[in-house]
Amino acid sequence: MTGPLWADWPVAVIGGLDVALVDDPDGTTRWVELETTAMGEVGIWEIDPGTVRDVEVDEIFVVLSGRATIKVDGSPDVVVTAGDVVRLQAGAVTTWIITERLRKVYLTQGQGQG
């Protein structure tokens, strides 16, 4: 974000779908950190269609746009779409199958990108 930090205002509104994101070196994801708080990192993250595996950190996120199936070893598959609120548990081994570019706003405990 440009200008003052998001946390510097008593009330801050951003258009989550309009925020410009920074490309990750992998070329399939983009993100921007909005703020780091005592609770963790808040940001917006986006990923292109495809399949990725990850080991998760404690995270809560809201899907702003897109669609994906999240496969978690030992649990039923979860389909997420715009408006869904999701919690990921640290250490969960996931496979994300992104069928429509997915953008989310996230809060993680500790450091790390969404």
C-alpha atoms as a PDB file:
ATOM      1  CA  MET A   1       0.000   0.000   0.000  1.00  0.00           C
ATOM      2  CA  THR A   2       1.098   3.538  -0.538  1.00  0.00           C
ATOM      3  CA  GLY A   3       0.810   6.322   1.998  1.00  0.00           C
ATOM      4  CA  PRO A   4       0.264   5.836   5.732  1.00  0.00           C
ATOM      5  CA  LEU A   5       0.064   2.338   7.139  1.00  0.00           C
ATOM      6  CA  TRP A   6      -3.366   0.796   7.288  1.00  0.00           C
ATOM      7  CA  ALA A   7      -3.055   0.696  11.105  1.00  0.00           C
ATOM      8  CA  ASP A   8      -2.450   4.463  11.327  1.00  0.00           C
ATOM      9  CA  TRP A   9      -6.128   5.330  10.818  1.00  0.00           C
ATOM     10  CA  PRO A  10      -8.943   4.872  13.388  1.00  0.00           C
ATOM     11  CA  VAL A  11     -11.117   3.433  10.600  1.00  0.00           C
ATOM     12  CA  ALA A  12      -9.588   2.116   7.384  1.00  0.00           C
ATOM     13  CA  VAL A  13     -11.390   0.773   4.342  1.00  0.00           C
ATOM     14  CA  ILE A  14      -9.692  -0.746   1.346  1.00  0.00           C
ATOM     15  CA  GLY A  15     -11.229  -2.311  -1.730  1.00  0.00           C
ATOM     16  CA  GLY A  16      -9.841  -5.828  -1.325  1.00  0.00           C
ATOM     17  CA  LEU A  17     -10.375  -6.617  -4.987  1.00  0.00           C
ATOM     18  CA  ASP A  18      -8.704  -3.381  -6.126  1.00  0.00           C
ATOM     19  CA  VAL A  19      -5.487  -3.544  -4.068  1.00  0.00           C
ATOM     20  CA  ALA A  20      -2.352  -3.834  -6.216  1.00  0.00           C
ATOM     21  CA  LEU A  21      -0.305  -6.862  -5.212  1.00  0.00           C
ATOM     22  CA  VAL A  22       3.413  -7.634  -5.498  1.00  0.00           C
ATOM     23  CA  ASP A  23       4.485 -10.645  -7.601  1.00  0.00           C
ATOM     24  CA  ASP A  24       6.200 -13.477  -5.748  1.00  0.00           C
ATOM     25  CA  PRO A  25       9.244 -14.958  -7.509  1.00  0.00           C
ATOM     26  CA  ASP A  26       7.253 -18.149  -8.199  1.00  0.00           C
ATOM     27  CA  GLY A  27       5.195 -16.236 -10.779  1.00  0.00           C
ATOM     28  CA  THR A  28       1.843 -17.725  -9.722  1.00  0.00           C
ATOM     29  CA  THR A  29       1.137 -15.790  -6.525  1.00  0.00           C
ATOM     30  CA  ARG A  30       0.894 -12.152  -5.515  1.00  0.00           C
ATOM     31  CA  TRP A  31       0.495 -10.553  -2.098  1.00  0.00           C
ATOM     32  CA  VAL A  32       0.706  -7.444   0.014  1.00  0.00           C
ATOM     33  CA  GLU A  33       1.187  -7.213   3.754  1.00  0.00           C
ATOM     34  CA  LEU A  34      -1.228  -4.680   5.205  1.00  0.00           C
ATOM     35  CA  GLU A  35      -0.047  -4.795   8.792  1.00  0.00           C
ATOM     36  CA  THR A  36       1.852  -6.834  11.360  1.00  0.00           C
ATOM     37  CA  THR A  37       0.169  -6.803  14.756  1.00  0.00           C
ATOM     38  CA  ALA A  38       0.685  -8.536  18.091  1.00  0.00           C
ATOM     39  CA  MET A  39      -1.704 -11.194  16.746  1.00  0.00           C
ATOM     40  CA  GLY A  40       0.172 -11.777  13.512  1.00  0.00           C
ATOM     41  CA  GLU A  41       0.276 -10.641   9.903  1.00  0.00           C
ATOM     42  CA  VAL A  42      -2.703  -9.257   7.960  1.00  0.00           C
ATOM     43  CA  GLY A  43      -2.551  -9.135   4.186  1.00  0.00           C
ATOM     44  CA  ILE A  44      -4.071  -9.935   0.832  1.00  0.00           C
ATOM     45  CA  TRP A  45      -2.844 -12.932  -1.185  1.00  0.00           C
ATOM     46  CA  GLU A  46      -3.749 -14.193  -4.632  1.00  0.00           C
ATOM     47  CA  ILE A  47      -2.925 -17.368  -6.583  1.00  0.00           C
ATOM     48  CA  ASP A  48      -3.483 -18.389 -10.210  1.00  0.00           C
ATOM     49  CA  PRO A  49      -5.229 -21.620 -11.265  1.00  0.00           C
ATOM     50  CA  GLY A  50      -3.178 -24.746 -10.721  1.00  0.00           C
ATOM     51  CA  THR A  51      -2.209 -27.132  -7.930  1.00  0.00           C
ATOM     52  CA  VAL A  52       0.145 -26.456  -5.008  1.00  0.00           C
ATOM     53  CA  ARG A  53       1.103 -28.289  -1.816  1.00  0.00           C
ATOM     54  CA  ASP A  54       1.762 -26.468   1.429  1.00  0.00           C
ATOM     55  CA  VAL A  55       2.367 -26.948   5.133  1.00  0.00           C
ATOM     56  CA  GLU A  56       0.114 -24.433   6.811  1.00  0.00           C
ATOM     57  CA  VAL A  57       0.565 -21.947   9.644  1.00  0.00           C
ATOM     58  CA  ASP A  58      -2.305 -20.954  11.948  1.00  0.00           C
ATOM     59  CA  GLU A  59      -4.424 -18.747   9.695  1.00  0.00           C
ATOM     60  CA  ILE A  60      -7.904 -17.355   9.292  1.00  0.00           C
ATOM     61  CA  PHE A  61      -8.869 -16.019   5.874  1.00  0.00           C
ATOM     62  CA  VAL A  62     -11.848 -14.718   3.919  1.00  0.00           C
ATOM     63  CA  VAL A  63     -12.081 -15.564   0.232  1.00  0.00           C
ATOM     64  CA  LEU A  64     -12.654 -12.346  -1.730  1.00  0.00           C
ATOM     65  CA  SER A  65     -12.894 -13.980  -5.166  1.00  0.00           C
ATOM     66  CA  GLY A  66     -12.203 -17.231  -6.965  1.00  0.00           C
ATOM     67  CA  ARG A  67     -12.616 -20.899  -6.202  1.00  0.00           C
ATOM     68  CA  ALA A  68     -10.423 -23.709  -4.894  1.00  0.00           C
ATOM     69  CA  THR A  69     -10.583 -27.162  -3.397  1.00  0.00           C
ATOM     70  CA  ILE A  70      -8.365 -27.649  -0.364  1.00  0.00           C
ATOM     71  CA  LYS A  71      -7.364 -31.244   0.296  1.00  0.00           C
ATOM     72  CA  VAL A  72      -6.059 -31.956   3.783  1.00  0.00           C
ATOM     73  CA  ASP A  73      -4.364 -35.255   4.512  1.00  0.00           C
ATOM     74  CA  GLY A  74      -6.759 -37.316   6.634  1.00  0.00           C
ATOM     75  CA  SER A  75      -9.775 -34.943   6.270  1.00  0.00           C
ATOM     76  CA  PRO A  76     -12.584 -34.381   3.763  1.00  0.00           C
ATOM     77  CA  ASP A  77     -11.921 -31.995   0.853  1.00  0.00           C
ATOM     78  CA  VAL A  78     -13.136 -28.425   1.323  1.00  0.00           C
ATOM     79  CA  VAL A  79     -14.349 -26.209  -1.544  1.00  0.00           C
ATOM     80  CA  VAL A  80     -13.942 -22.483  -0.904  1.00  0.00           C
ATOM     81  CA  THR A  81     -15.488 -19.595  -2.846  1.00  0.00           C
ATOM     82  CA  ALA A  82     -16.065 -15.857  -2.418  1.00  0.00           C
ATOM     83  CA  GLY A  83     -17.422 -14.994   1.016  1.00  0.00           C
ATOM     84  CA  ASP A  84     -16.180 -18.130   2.791  1.00  0.00           C
ATOM     85  CA  VAL A  85     -14.342 -17.735   6.103  1.00  0.00           C
ATOM     86  CA  VAL A  86     -11.717 -20.456   6.583  1.00  0.00           C
ATOM     87  CA  ARG A  87      -9.388 -21.515   9.396  1.00  0.00           C
ATOM     88  CA  LEU A  88      -6.183 -23.459   8.727  1.00  0.00           C
ATOM     89  CA  GLN A  89      -4.338 -25.242  11.518  1.00  0.00           C
ATOM     90  CA  ALA A  90      -0.552 -25.020  11.801  1.00  0.00           C
ATOM     91  CA  GLY A  91       1.170 -28.124  10.477  1.00  0.00           C
ATOM     92  CA  ALA A  92      -1.706 -29.261   8.253  1.00  0.00           C
ATOM     93  CA  VAL A  93      -0.394 -30.665   4.976  1.00  0.00           C
ATOM     94  CA  THR A  94      -2.630 -29.314   2.207  1.00  0.00           C
ATOM     95  CA  THR A  95      -3.038 -29.579  -1.527  1.00  0.00           C
ATOM     96  CA  TRP A  96      -4.756 -26.592  -3.123  1.00  0.00           C
ATOM     97  CA  ILE A  97      -6.486 -27.120  -6.470  1.00  0.00           C
ATOM     98  CA  ILE A  98      -7.277 -23.616  -7.687  1.00  0.00           C
ATOM     99  CA  THR A  99      -9.895 -23.613 -10.451  1.00  0.00           C
ATOM    100  CA  GLU A 100     -10.447 -19.817 -10.552  1.00  0.00           C
ATOM    101  CA  ARG A 101      -7.832 -17.228  -9.530  1.00  0.00           C
ATOM    102  CA  LEU A 102      -8.268 -17.003  -5.765  1.00  0.00           C
ATOM    103  CA  ARG A 103      -7.812 -13.825  -3.719  1.00  0.00           C
ATOM    104  CA  LYS A 104      -8.086 -13.789   0.061  1.00  0.00           C
ATOM    105  CA  VAL A 105      -7.538 -11.474   2.990  1.00  0.00           C
ATOM    106  CA  TYR A 106      -5.723 -13.323   5.755  1.00  0.00           C
ATOM    107  CA  LEU A 107      -4.587 -13.152   9.363  1.00  0.00           C
ATOM    108  CA  THR A 108      -1.747 -15.464  10.389  1.00  0.00           C
ATOM    109  CA  GLN A 109      -0.322 -16.019  13.831  1.00  0.00           C
ATOM    110  CA  GLY A 110       3.352 -15.120  13.781  1.00  0.00           C
ATOM    111  CA  GLN A 111       5.204 -14.325  10.552  1.00  0.00           C
ATOM    112  CA  GLY A 112       4.649 -15.604   7.045  1.00  0.00           C
ATOM    113  CA  GLN A 113       2.720 -14.950   3.870  1.00  0.00           C
ATOM    114  CA  GLY A 114      -0.872 -16.167   3.597  1.00  0.00           C
END
